Structures are given as structure tokens and as C-alpha cells.
Amino acid sequence: MLTVAVVAIAQVQLLAVQAQDARVVEGDVGGVAGQMAKKWVSNSLRQALDPDAPLEREMSCLVRRFKVSSLAILRRLYHAGCLSREVLWTAYDRELKRLQALPKGSGDR
């Protein structure tokens, strides 16, 4: 009975190590793919953004185009170099308050 328990523990440990190895490999591949995707998104955002238009209007258009939340668009615009940190956090705080004021389940972004 003790031998069965020891074998079972060894198998669980082996599976844990294999799972960890798979996550490391997947993370490396995801890192490369993630960097490529990030560059593509940044370029797409820069091309889609009208720097002369009001940020709120641009956010609304970008939310629909990229199918992500307004808060995600703000972060992506910042990481793409389209917004300064000050503009990001001012807009982020304003948008967060707007979203929190919406009725639950409204589905508005």
C-alpha cells in the first residue's frame, strides 16, 4: 500500500514538472507572438487615430473597431505612444467614473 502511494506521488510530481515545462515553452512562444501582435495593434491604432479629434469621440470609434473596452483602448493608445501618461490617467479616471455610473448590465463600453 505504501508503494502504491509513493508511485502515485511520484507520478503527480512528474505531471507537475511536465505541466511547468509546457507553460514555459508556451510562455516563450506567447511572448514572441505577443510582441508581434502588440506592434501590429500599435500600428493599427496610430493609423486609425485622428489626433485632431476629441479623445472621447476617437475612443468610441476605436472601441467599436477593435471590439475591446474603452479602458483597454486607453491603455493601448498609451502603449502605442499616442497618449502621454498624464492624458492617459486623466481620461482613464474620467472613463472609469462614467462606466461605474452606468446601470448594471447595460453592456455599454
PDB file of N, CA and C in Angstrom:
ATOM      1  N   MET A   1       0.833  -1.187   0.000  1.00  0.00           N
ATOM      2  CA  MET A   1       0.000   0.000   0.000  1.00  0.00           C
ATOM      3  C   MET A   1       0.872   1.242   0.000  1.00  0.00           C
ATOM      4  N   LEU A   2       1.946   1.225   0.773  1.00  0.00           N
ATOM      5  CA  LEU A   2       2.867   2.360   0.824  1.00  0.00           C
ATOM      6  C   LEU A   2       3.537   2.542  -0.532  1.00  0.00           C
ATOM      7  N   THR A   3       3.856   1.459  -1.197  1.00  0.00           N
ATOM      8  CA  THR A   3       4.494   1.532  -2.516  1.00  0.00           C
ATOM      9  C   THR A   3       3.563   2.199  -3.517  1.00  0.00           C
ATOM     10  N   VAL A   4       2.281   1.886  -3.477  1.00  0.00           N
ATOM     11  CA  VAL A   4       1.309   2.487  -4.379  1.00  0.00           C
ATOM     12  C   VAL A   4       1.233   3.995  -4.130  1.00  0.00           C
ATOM     13  N   ALA A   5       1.254   4.402  -2.876  1.00  0.00           N
ATOM     14  CA  ALA A   5       1.196   5.820  -2.533  1.00  0.00           C
ATOM     15  C   ALA A   5       2.441   6.549  -3.031  1.00  0.00           C
ATOM     16  N   VAL A   6       3.607   5.934  -2.871  1.00  0.00           N
ATOM     17  CA  VAL A   6       4.856   6.543  -3.322  1.00  0.00           C
ATOM     18  C   VAL A   6       4.852   6.689  -4.841  1.00  0.00           C
ATOM     19  N   VAL A   7       4.391   5.666  -5.536  1.00  0.00           N
ATOM     20  CA  VAL A   7       4.318   5.717  -7.002  1.00  0.00           C
ATOM     21  C   VAL A   7       3.337   6.812  -7.433  1.00  0.00           C
ATOM     22  N   ALA A   8       2.205   6.892  -6.765  1.00  0.00           N
ATOM     23  CA  ALA A   8       1.202   7.909  -7.101  1.00  0.00           C
ATOM     24  C   ALA A   8       1.761   9.313  -6.895  1.00  0.00           C
ATOM     25  N   ILE A   9       2.467   9.535  -5.804  1.00  0.00           N
ATOM     26  CA  ILE A   9       3.080  10.840  -5.527  1.00  0.00           C
ATOM     27  C   ILE A   9       4.124  11.163  -6.592  1.00  0.00           C
ATOM     28  N   ALA A  10       4.927  10.177  -6.968  1.00  0.00           N
ATOM     29  CA  ALA A  10       5.953  10.396  -7.992  1.00  0.00           C
ATOM     30  C   ALA A  10       5.299  10.767  -9.322  1.00  0.00           C
ATOM     31  N   GLN A  11       4.191  10.117  -9.653  1.00  0.00           N
ATOM     32  CA  GLN A  11       3.506  10.422 -10.913  1.00  0.00           C
ATOM     33  C   GLN A  11       2.927  11.846 -10.888  1.00  0.00           C
ATOM     34  N   VAL A  12       2.366  12.229  -9.777  1.00  0.00           N
ATOM     35  CA  VAL A  12       1.815  13.585  -9.641  1.00  0.00           C
ATOM     36  C   VAL A  12       2.928  14.614  -9.777  1.00  0.00           C
ATOM     37  N   GLN A  13       4.077  14.363  -9.156  1.00  0.00           N
ATOM     38  CA  GLN A  13       5.202  15.284  -9.253  1.00  0.00           C
ATOM     39  C   GLN A  13       5.705  15.377 -10.694  1.00  0.00           C
ATOM     40  N   LEU A  14       5.764  14.240 -11.391  1.00  0.00           N
ATOM     41  CA  LEU A  14       6.196  14.231 -12.782  1.00  0.00           C
ATOM     42  C   LEU A  14       5.230  15.030 -13.646  1.00  0.00           C
ATOM     43  N   LEU A  15       3.940  14.848 -13.435  1.00  0.00           N
ATOM     44  CA  LEU A  15       2.947  15.607 -14.192  1.00  0.00           C
ATOM     45  C   LEU A  15       3.074  17.098 -13.919  1.00  0.00           C
ATOM     46  N   ALA A  16       3.352  17.461 -12.676  1.00  0.00           N
ATOM     47  CA  ALA A  16       3.522  18.873 -12.322  1.00  0.00           C
ATOM     48  C   ALA A  16       4.728  19.465 -13.042  1.00  0.00           C
ATOM     49  N   VAL A  17       5.825  18.708 -13.103  1.00  0.00           N
ATOM     50  CA  VAL A  17       7.029  19.180 -13.799  1.00  0.00           C
ATOM     51  C   VAL A  17       6.745  19.313 -15.290  1.00  0.00           C
ATOM     52  N   GLN A  18       6.063  18.333 -15.880  1.00  0.00           N
ATOM     53  CA  GLN A  18       5.732  18.404 -17.304  1.00  0.00           C
ATOM     54  C   GLN A  18       4.829  19.597 -17.599  1.00  0.00           C
ATOM     55  N   ALA A  19       3.872  19.836 -16.730  1.00  0.00           N
ATOM     56  CA  ALA A  19       2.972  20.979 -16.914  1.00  0.00           C
ATOM     57  C   ALA A  19       3.753  22.290 -16.826  1.00  0.00           C
ATOM     58  N   GLN A  20       4.685  22.360 -15.882  1.00  0.00           N
ATOM     59  CA  GLN A  20       5.510  23.561 -15.742  1.00  0.00           C
ATOM     60  C   GLN A  20       6.344  23.775 -16.997  1.00  0.00           C
ATOM     61  N   ASP A  21       6.952  22.723 -17.527  1.00  0.00           N
ATOM     62  CA  ASP A  21       7.736  22.825 -18.751  1.00  0.00           C
ATOM     63  C   ASP A  21       6.864  23.305 -19.911  1.00  0.00           C
ATOM     64  N   ALA A  22       5.652  22.804 -20.012  1.00  0.00           N
ATOM     65  CA  ALA A  22       4.744  23.209 -21.094  1.00  0.00           C
ATOM     66  C   ALA A  22       4.406  24.683 -20.972  1.00  0.00           C
ATOM     67  N   ARG A  23       4.198  25.171 -19.742  1.00  0.00           N
ATOM     68  CA  ARG A  23       3.891  26.592 -19.555  1.00  0.00           C
ATOM     69  C   ARG A  23       5.074  27.463 -19.951  1.00  0.00           C
ATOM     70  N   VAL A  24       6.283  27.033 -19.643  1.00  0.00           N
ATOM     71  CA  VAL A  24       7.464  27.813 -20.002  1.00  0.00           C
ATOM     72  C   VAL A  24       7.585  27.914 -21.514  1.00  0.00           C
ATOM     73  N   VAL A  25       7.445  26.793 -22.211  1.00  0.00           N
ATOM     74  CA  VAL A  25       7.529  26.800 -23.677  1.00  0.00           C
ATOM     75  C   VAL A  25       6.403  27.641 -24.254  1.00  0.00           C
ATOM     76  N   GLU A  26       5.190  27.443 -23.750  1.00  0.00           N
ATOM     77  CA  GLU A  26       4.045  28.211 -24.234  1.00  0.00           C
ATOM     78  C   GLU A  26       4.262  29.697 -23.960  1.00  0.00           C
ATOM     79  N   GLY A  27       4.818  30.040 -22.815  1.00  0.00           N
ATOM     80  CA  GLY A  27       5.089  31.436 -22.484  1.00  0.00           C
ATOM     81  C   GLY A  27       6.088  32.057 -23.433  1.00  0.00           C
ATOM     82  N   ASP A  28       7.129  31.301 -23.816  1.00  0.00           N
ATOM     83  CA  ASP A  28       8.116  31.815 -24.759  1.00  0.00           C
ATOM     84  C   ASP A  28       7.478  32.080 -26.109  1.00  0.00           C
ATOM     85  N   VAL A  29       6.681  31.130 -26.590  1.00  0.00           N
ATOM     86  CA  VAL A  29       6.013  31.309 -27.876  1.00  0.00           C
ATOM     87  C   VAL A  29       5.023  32.459 -27.777  1.00  0.00           C
ATOM     88  N   GLY A  30       4.278  32.506 -26.687  1.00  0.00           N
ATOM     89  CA  GLY A  30       3.320  33.589 -26.483  1.00  0.00           C
ATOM     90  C   GLY A  30       4.009  34.934 -26.403  1.00  0.00           C
ATOM     91  N   GLY A  31       5.210  34.964 -25.846  1.00  0.00           N
ATOM     92  CA  GLY A  31       5.947  36.220 -25.741  1.00  0.00           C
ATOM     93  C   GLY A  31       6.303  36.765 -27.106  1.00  0.00           C
ATOM     94  N   VAL A  32       6.781  35.902 -27.989  1.00  0.00           N
ATOM     95  CA  VAL A  32       7.135  36.333 -29.349  1.00  0.00           C
ATOM     96  C   VAL A  32       5.882  36.750 -30.104  1.00  0.00           C
ATOM     97  N   ALA A  33       4.864  35.904 -30.047  1.00  0.00           N
ATOM     98  CA  ALA A  33       3.608  36.226 -30.734  1.00  0.00           C
ATOM     99  C   ALA A  33       2.977  37.475 -30.126  1.00  0.00           C
ATOM    100  N   GLY A  34       3.075  37.589 -28.816  1.00  0.00           N
ATOM    101  CA  GLY A  34       2.524  38.765 -28.136  1.00  0.00           C
ATOM    102  C   GLY A  34       3.209  40.052 -28.569  1.00  0.00           C
ATOM    103  N   GLN A  35       4.526  40.007 -28.710  1.00  0.00           N
ATOM    104  CA  GLN A  35       5.259  41.193 -29.155  1.00  0.00           C
ATOM    105  C   GLN A  35       4.876  41.566 -30.584  1.00  0.00           C
ATOM    106  N   MET A  36       4.723  40.574 -31.435  1.00  0.00           N
ATOM    107  CA  MET A  36       4.322  40.848 -32.815  1.00  0.00           C
ATOM    108  C   MET A  36       2.906  41.435 -32.853  1.00  0.00           C
ATOM    109  N   ALA A  37       2.017  40.858 -32.062  1.00  0.00           N
ATOM    110  CA  ALA A  37       0.643  41.348 -32.020  1.00  0.00           C
ATOM    111  C   ALA A  37       0.600  42.771 -31.459  1.00  0.00           C
ATOM    112  N   LYS A  38       1.408  43.029 -30.437  1.00  0.00           N
ATOM    113  CA  LYS A  38       1.437  44.358 -29.833  1.00  0.00           C
ATOM    114  C   LYS A  38       1.883  45.408 -30.853  1.00  0.00           C
ATOM    115  N   LYS A  39       2.894  45.075 -31.655  1.00  0.00           N
ATOM    116  CA  LYS A  39       3.352  46.002 -32.694  1.00  0.00           C
ATOM    117  C   LYS A  39       2.258  46.247 -33.717  1.00  0.00           C
ATOM    118  N   TRP A  40       1.586  45.177 -34.125  1.00  0.00           N
ATOM    119  CA  TRP A  40       0.522  45.308 -35.111  1.00  0.00           C
ATOM    120  C   TRP A  40      -0.604  46.181 -34.575  1.00  0.00           C
ATOM    121  N   VAL A  41      -1.000  45.958 -33.316  1.00  0.00           N
ATOM    122  CA  VAL A  41      -2.075  46.747 -32.702  1.00  0.00           C
ATOM    123  C   VAL A  41      -1.654  48.208 -32.602  1.00  0.00           C
ATOM    124  N   SER A  42      -0.423  48.454 -32.173  1.00  0.00           N
ATOM    125  CA  SER A  42       0.065  49.832 -32.059  1.00  0.00           C
ATOM    126  C   SER A  42       0.015  50.543 -33.405  1.00  0.00           C
ATOM    127  N   ASN A  43       0.491  49.869 -34.435  1.00  0.00           N
ATOM    128  CA  ASN A  43       0.459  50.468 -35.777  1.00  0.00           C
ATOM    129  C   ASN A  43      -0.974  50.712 -36.242  1.00  0.00           C
ATOM    130  N   SER A  44      -1.848  49.759 -35.992  1.00  0.00           N
ATOM    131  CA  SER A  44      -3.254  49.897 -36.382  1.00  0.00           C
ATOM    132  C   SER A  44      -3.914  51.053 -35.646  1.00  0.00           C
ATOM    133  N   LEU A  45      -3.616  51.186 -34.356  1.00  0.00           N
ATOM    134  CA  LEU A  45      -4.184  52.285 -33.575  1.00  0.00           C
ATOM    135  C   LEU A  45      -3.692  53.634 -34.096  1.00  0.00           C
ATOM    136  N   ARG A  46      -2.402  53.737 -34.358  1.00  0.00           N
ATOM    137  CA  ARG A  46      -1.849  55.000 -34.853  1.00  0.00           C
ATOM    138  C   ARG A  46      -2.499  55.397 -36.175  1.00  0.00           C
ATOM    139  N   GLN A  47      -2.725  54.414 -37.047  1.00  0.00           N
ATOM    140  CA  GLN A  47      -3.341  54.698 -38.345  1.00  0.00           C
ATOM    141  C   GLN A  47      -4.814  55.082 -38.193  1.00  0.00           C
ATOM    142  N   ALA A  48      -5.506  54.478 -37.226  1.00  0.00           N
ATOM    143  CA  ALA A  48      -6.938  54.719 -37.058  1.00  0.00           C
ATOM    144  C   ALA A  48      -7.228  55.996 -36.273  1.00  0.00           C
ATOM    145  N   LEU A  49      -6.272  56.472 -35.513  1.00  0.00           N
ATOM    146  CA  LEU A  49      -6.497  57.608 -34.621  1.00  0.00           C
ATOM    147  C   LEU A  49      -6.390  58.930 -35.373  1.00  0.00           C
ATOM    148  N   ASP A  50      -7.368  59.779 -35.172  1.00  0.00           N
ATOM    149  CA  ASP A  50      -7.310  61.143 -35.694  1.00  0.00           C
ATOM    150  C   ASP A  50      -6.848  62.024 -34.536  1.00  0.00           C
ATOM    151  N   PRO A  51      -5.591  62.479 -34.552  1.00  0.00           N
ATOM    152  CA  PRO A  51      -5.059  63.227 -33.413  1.00  0.00           C
ATOM    153  C   PRO A  51      -5.739  64.577 -33.198  1.00  0.00           C
ATOM    154  N   ASP A  52      -6.453  65.069 -34.211  1.00  0.00           N
ATOM    155  CA  ASP A  52      -7.130  66.365 -34.074  1.00  0.00           C
ATOM    156  C   ASP A  52      -8.542  66.232 -33.527  1.00  0.00           C
ATOM    157  N   ALA A  53      -9.064  65.030 -33.476  1.00  0.00           N
ATOM    158  CA  ALA A  53     -10.432  64.800 -32.989  1.00  0.00           C
ATOM    159  C   ALA A  53     -10.431  64.676 -31.467  1.00  0.00           C
ATOM    160  N   PRO A  54     -11.572  64.970 -30.834  1.00  0.00           N
ATOM    161  CA  PRO A  54     -11.669  64.793 -29.376  1.00  0.00           C
ATOM    162  C   PRO A  54     -11.439  63.327 -28.990  1.00  0.00           C
ATOM    163  N   LEU A  55     -10.722  63.117 -27.913  1.00  0.00           N
ATOM    164  CA  LEU A  55     -10.368  61.760 -27.480  1.00  0.00           C
ATOM    165  C   LEU A  55     -11.605  60.902 -27.239  1.00  0.00           C
ATOM    166  N   GLU A  56     -12.645  61.460 -26.637  1.00  0.00           N
ATOM    167  CA  GLU A  56     -13.853  60.681 -26.342  1.00  0.00           C
ATOM    168  C   GLU A  56     -14.479  60.141 -27.630  1.00  0.00           C
ATOM    169  N   ARG A  57     -14.507  60.968 -28.682  1.00  0.00           N
ATOM    170  CA  ARG A  57     -15.081  60.503 -29.953  1.00  0.00           C
ATOM    171  C   ARG A  57     -14.208  59.413 -30.572  1.00  0.00           C
ATOM    172  N   GLU A  58     -12.913  59.608 -30.523  1.00  0.00           N
ATOM    173  CA  GLU A  58     -11.992  58.618 -31.072  1.00  0.00           C
ATOM    174  C   GLU A  58     -12.088  57.303 -30.306  1.00  0.00           C
ATOM    175  N   MET A  59     -12.207  57.396 -28.980  1.00  0.00           N
ATOM    176  CA  MET A  59     -12.339  56.176 -28.176  1.00  0.00           C
ATOM    177  C   MET A  59     -13.572  55.391 -28.590  1.00  0.00           C
ATOM    178  N   SER A  60     -14.660  56.086 -28.797  1.00  0.00           N
ATOM    179  CA  SER A  60     -15.907  55.425 -29.183  1.00  0.00           C
ATOM    180  C   SER A  60     -15.735  54.678 -30.502  1.00  0.00           C
ATOM    181  N   CYS A  61     -15.086  55.306 -31.470  1.00  0.00           N
ATOM    182  CA  CYS A  61     -14.843  54.656 -32.771  1.00  0.00           C
ATOM    183  C   CYS A  61     -13.907  53.461 -32.622  1.00  0.00           C
ATOM    184  N   LEU A  62     -12.844  53.631 -31.835  1.00  0.00           N
ATOM    185  CA  LEU A  62     -11.855  52.565 -31.669  1.00  0.00           C
ATOM    186  C   LEU A  62     -12.420  51.377 -30.899  1.00  0.00           C
ATOM    187  N   VAL A  63     -13.278  51.643 -29.929  1.00  0.00           N
ATOM    188  CA  VAL A  63     -13.924  50.567 -29.160  1.00  0.00           C
ATOM    189  C   VAL A  63     -14.722  49.677 -30.106  1.00  0.00           C
ATOM    190  N   ARG A  64     -15.479  50.304 -31.005  1.00  0.00           N
ATOM    191  CA  ARG A  64     -16.279  49.521 -31.954  1.00  0.00           C
ATOM    192  C   ARG A  64     -15.390  48.800 -32.965  1.00  0.00           C
ATOM    193  N   ARG A  65     -14.349  49.463 -33.420  1.00  0.00           N
ATOM    194  CA  ARG A  65     -13.482  48.857 -34.438  1.00  0.00           C
ATOM    195  C   ARG A  65     -12.697  47.671 -33.900  1.00  0.00           C
ATOM    196  N   PHE A  66     -12.100  47.823 -32.694  1.00  0.00           N
ATOM    197  CA  PHE A  66     -11.246  46.772 -32.151  1.00  0.00           C
ATOM    198  C   PHE A  66     -11.975  45.828 -31.198  1.00  0.00           C
ATOM    199  N   LYS A  67     -13.235  46.145 -30.889  1.00  0.00           N
ATOM    200  CA  LYS A  67     -14.081  45.287 -30.051  1.00  0.00           C
ATOM    201  C   LYS A  67     -13.456  44.999 -28.675  1.00  0.00           C
ATOM    202  N   VAL A  68     -12.982  46.061 -28.046  1.00  0.00           N
ATOM    203  CA  VAL A  68     -12.462  45.982 -26.681  1.00  0.00           C
ATOM    204  C   VAL A  68     -13.068  47.121 -25.877  1.00  0.00           C
ATOM    205  N   SER A  69     -12.859  47.103 -24.579  1.00  0.00           N
ATOM    206  CA  SER A  69     -13.438  48.137 -23.723  1.00  0.00           C
ATOM    207  C   SER A  69     -12.737  49.475 -23.930  1.00  0.00           C
ATOM    208  N   SER A  70     -13.402  50.524 -23.513  1.00  0.00           N
ATOM    209  CA  SER A  70     -12.824  51.868 -23.615  1.00  0.00           C
ATOM    210  C   SER A  70     -11.569  51.990 -22.756  1.00  0.00           C
ATOM    211  N   LEU A  71     -11.550  51.314 -21.612  1.00  0.00           N
ATOM    212  CA  LEU A  71     -10.367  51.352 -20.749  1.00  0.00           C
ATOM    213  C   LEU A  71      -9.190  50.648 -21.428  1.00  0.00           C
ATOM    214  N   ALA A  72      -9.482  49.554 -22.124  1.00  0.00           N
ATOM    215  CA  ALA A  72      -8.423  48.845 -22.855  1.00  0.00           C
ATOM    216  C   ALA A  72      -7.886  49.715 -23.988  1.00  0.00           C
ATOM    217  N   ILE A  73      -8.773  50.428 -24.672  1.00  0.00           N
ATOM    218  CA  ILE A  73      -8.333  51.327 -25.749  1.00  0.00           C
ATOM    219  C   ILE A  73      -7.411  52.400 -25.198  1.00  0.00           C
ATOM    220  N   LEU A  74      -7.755  52.959 -24.067  1.00  0.00           N
ATOM    221  CA  LEU A  74      -6.895  53.992 -23.470  1.00  0.00           C
ATOM    222  C   LEU A  74      -5.509  53.442 -23.182  1.00  0.00           C
ATOM    223  N   ARG A  75      -5.455  52.261 -22.572  1.00  0.00           N
ATOM    224  CA  ARG A  75      -4.144  51.652 -22.270  1.00  0.00           C
ATOM    225  C   ARG A  75      -3.359  51.368 -23.551  1.00  0.00           C
ATOM    226  N   ARG A  76      -4.043  50.868 -24.565  1.00  0.00           N
ATOM    227  CA  ARG A  76      -3.362  50.558 -25.820  1.00  0.00           C
ATOM    228  C   ARG A  76      -2.875  51.824 -26.516  1.00  0.00           C
ATOM    229  N   LEU A  77      -3.663  52.889 -26.447  1.00  0.00           N
ATOM    230  CA  LEU A  77      -3.218  54.163 -27.021  1.00  0.00           C
ATOM    231  C   LEU A  77      -1.975  54.672 -26.307  1.00  0.00           C
ATOM    232  N   TYR A  78      -1.956  54.509 -25.006  1.00  0.00           N
ATOM    233  CA  TYR A  78      -0.776  54.931 -24.236  1.00  0.00           C
ATOM    234  C   TYR A  78       0.450  54.102 -24.643  1.00  0.00           C
ATOM    235  N   HIS A  79       0.300  52.793 -24.690  1.00  0.00           N
ATOM    236  CA  HIS A  79       1.427  51.913 -25.033  1.00  0.00           C
ATOM    237  C   HIS A  79       1.876  52.091 -26.485  1.00  0.00           C
ATOM    238  N   ALA A  80       0.976  52.583 -27.331  1.00  0.00           N
ATOM    239  CA  ALA A  80       1.339  52.851 -28.724  1.00  0.00           C
ATOM    240  C   ALA A  80       2.023  54.211 -28.873  1.00  0.00           C
ATOM    241  N   GLY A  81       2.107  54.957 -27.765  1.00  0.00           N
ATOM    242  CA  GLY A  81       2.761  56.259 -27.811  1.00  0.00           C
ATOM    243  C   GLY A  81       1.849  57.385 -28.282  1.00  0.00           C
ATOM    244  N   CYS A  82       0.543  57.141 -28.293  1.00  0.00           N
ATOM    245  CA  CYS A  82      -0.415  58.154 -28.752  1.00  0.00           C
ATOM    246  C   CYS A  82      -0.877  59.077 -27.642  1.00  0.00           C
ATOM    247  N   LEU A  83      -0.689  58.679 -26.386  1.00  0.00           N
ATOM    248  CA  LEU A  83      -1.110  59.484 -25.240  1.00  0.00           C
ATOM    249  C   LEU A  83       0.038  59.612 -24.253  1.00  0.00           C
ATOM    250  N   SER A  84       0.120  60.765 -23.623  1.00  0.00           N
ATOM    251  CA  SER A  84       1.078  60.916 -22.521  1.00  0.00           C
ATOM    252  C   SER A  84       0.503  60.233 -21.290  1.00  0.00           C
ATOM    253  N   ARG A  85       1.332  60.010 -20.300  1.00  0.00           N
ATOM    254  CA  ARG A  85       0.868  59.367 -19.062  1.00  0.00           C
ATOM    255  C   ARG A  85      -0.205  60.232 -18.385  1.00  0.00           C
ATOM    256  N   GLU A  86      -0.007  61.533 -18.392  1.00  0.00           N
ATOM    257  CA  GLU A  86      -0.976  62.438 -17.753  1.00  0.00           C
ATOM    258  C   GLU A  86      -2.333  62.376 -18.449  1.00  0.00           C
ATOM    259  N   VAL A  87      -2.329  62.418 -19.777  1.00  0.00           N
ATOM    260  CA  VAL A  87      -3.583  62.340 -20.536  1.00  0.00           C
ATOM    261  C   VAL A  87      -4.235  60.978 -20.321  1.00  0.00           C
ATOM    262  N   LEU A  88      -3.431  59.917 -20.320  1.00  0.00           N
ATOM    263  CA  LEU A  88      -3.968  58.571 -20.072  1.00  0.00           C
ATOM    264  C   LEU A  88      -4.732  58.529 -18.763  1.00  0.00           C
ATOM    265  N   TRP A  89      -4.095  58.929 -17.660  1.00  0.00           N
ATOM    266  CA  TRP A  89      -4.726  58.765 -16.355  1.00  0.00           C
ATOM    267  C   TRP A  89      -5.883  59.718 -16.139  1.00  0.00           C
ATOM    268  N   THR A  90      -5.839  60.895 -16.740  1.00  0.00           N
ATOM    269  CA  THR A  90      -6.985  61.802 -16.652  1.00  0.00           C
ATOM    270  C   THR A  90      -8.182  61.191 -17.378  1.00  0.00           C
ATOM    271  N   ALA A  91      -7.954  60.723 -18.599  1.00  0.00           N
ATOM    272  CA  ALA A  91      -9.023  60.107 -19.381  1.00  0.00           C
ATOM    273  C   ALA A  91      -9.493  58.799 -18.745  1.00  0.00           C
ATOM    274  N   TYR A  92      -8.549  58.014 -18.213  1.00  0.00           N
ATOM    275  CA  TYR A  92      -8.877  56.728 -17.591  1.00  0.00           C
ATOM    276  C   TYR A  92      -9.789  56.943 -16.387  1.00  0.00           C
ATOM    277  N   ASP A  93      -9.425  57.898 -15.522  1.00  0.00           N
ATOM    278  CA  ASP A  93     -10.254  58.172 -14.339  1.00  0.00           C
ATOM    279  C   ASP A  93     -11.648  58.648 -14.740  1.00  0.00           C
ATOM    280  N   ARG A  94     -11.709  59.533 -15.728  1.00  0.00           N
ATOM    281  CA  ARG A  94     -12.999  60.046 -16.198  1.00  0.00           C
ATOM    282  C   ARG A  94     -13.847  58.905 -16.777  1.00  0.00           C
ATOM    283  N   GLU A  95     -13.231  58.039 -17.579  1.00  0.00           N
ATOM    284  CA  GLU A  95     -13.957  56.928 -18.197  1.00  0.00           C
ATOM    285  C   GLU A  95     -14.397  55.903 -17.156  1.00  0.00           C
ATOM    286  N   LEU A  96     -13.551  55.636 -16.190  1.00  0.00           N
ATOM    287  CA  LEU A  96     -13.907  54.697 -15.124  1.00  0.00           C
ATOM    288  C   LEU A  96     -15.124  55.206 -14.355  1.00  0.00           C
ATOM    289  N   LYS A  97     -15.160  56.483 -14.035  1.00  0.00           N
ATOM    290  CA  LYS A  97     -16.324  57.057 -13.334  1.00  0.00           C
ATOM    291  C   LYS A  97     -17.577  56.962 -14.195  1.00  0.00           C
ATOM    292  N   ARG A  98     -17.424  57.198 -15.505  1.00  0.00           N
ATOM    293  CA  ARG A  98     -18.568  57.102 -16.411  1.00  0.00           C
ATOM    294  C   ARG A  98     -19.112  55.675 -16.442  1.00  0.00           C
ATOM    295  N   LEU A  99     -18.205  54.704 -16.521  1.00  0.00           N
ATOM    296  CA  LEU A  99     -18.630  53.300 -16.568  1.00  0.00           C
ATOM    297  C   LEU A  99     -19.264  52.855 -15.257  1.00  0.00           C
ATOM    298  N   GLN A 100     -18.730  53.316 -14.143  1.00  0.00           N
ATOM    299  CA  GLN A 100     -19.289  52.932 -12.842  1.00  0.00           C
ATOM    300  C   GLN A 100     -20.667  53.522 -12.627  1.00  0.00           C
ATOM    301  N   ALA A 101     -20.965  54.638 -13.301  1.00  0.00           N
ATOM    302  CA  ALA A 101     -22.263  55.268 -13.153  1.00  0.00           C
ATOM    303  C   ALA A 101     -23.355  54.610 -14.011  1.00  0.00           C
ATOM    304  N   LEU A 102     -22.940  53.775 -14.963  1.00  0.00           N
ATOM    305  CA  LEU A 102     -23.909  53.104 -15.828  1.00  0.00           C
ATOM    306  C   LEU A 102     -24.691  52.055 -15.043  1.00  0.00           C
ATOM    307  N   PRO A 103     -25.948  51.837 -15.426  1.00  0.00           N
ATOM    308  CA  PRO A 103     -26.711  50.765 -14.774  1.00  0.00           C
ATOM    309  C   PRO A 103     -26.068  49.411 -15.056  1.00  0.00           C
ATOM    310  N   LYS A 104     -26.129  48.527 -14.096  1.00  0.00           N
ATOM    311  CA  LYS A 104     -25.559  47.184 -14.255  1.00  0.00           C
ATOM    312  C   LYS A 104     -26.234  46.479 -15.425  1.00  0.00           C
ATOM    313  N   GLY A 105     -25.394  45.791 -16.226  1.00  0.00           N
ATOM    314  CA  GLY A 105     -25.916  45.007 -17.336  1.00  0.00           C
ATOM    315  C   GLY A 105     -26.286  45.810 -18.568  1.00  0.00           C
ATOM    316  N   SER A 106     -25.836  47.075 -18.632  1.00  0.00           N
ATOM    317  CA  SER A 106     -26.200  47.896 -19.786  1.00  0.00           C
ATOM    318  C   SER A 106     -25.393  47.514 -21.020  1.00  0.00           C
ATOM    319  N   GLY A 107     -24.227  46.872 -20.830  1.00  0.00           N
ATOM    320  CA  GLY A 107     -23.408  46.439 -21.963  1.00  0.00           C
ATOM    321  C   GLY A 107     -22.660  47.561 -22.643  1.00  0.00           C
ATOM    322  N   ASP A 108     -22.714  48.769 -22.102  1.00  0.00           N
ATOM    323  CA  ASP A 108     -22.001  49.900 -22.697  1.00  0.00           C
ATOM    324  C   ASP A 108     -20.528  49.805 -22.372  1.00  0.00           C
ATOM    325  N   ARG A 109     -19.690  50.189 -23.330  1.00  0.00           N
ATOM    326  CA  ARG A 109     -18.258  50.174 -23.120  1.00  0.00           C
ATOM    327  C   ARG A 109     -17.813  51.588 -22.980  1.00  0.00           C
TER     328      ARG A 109
END
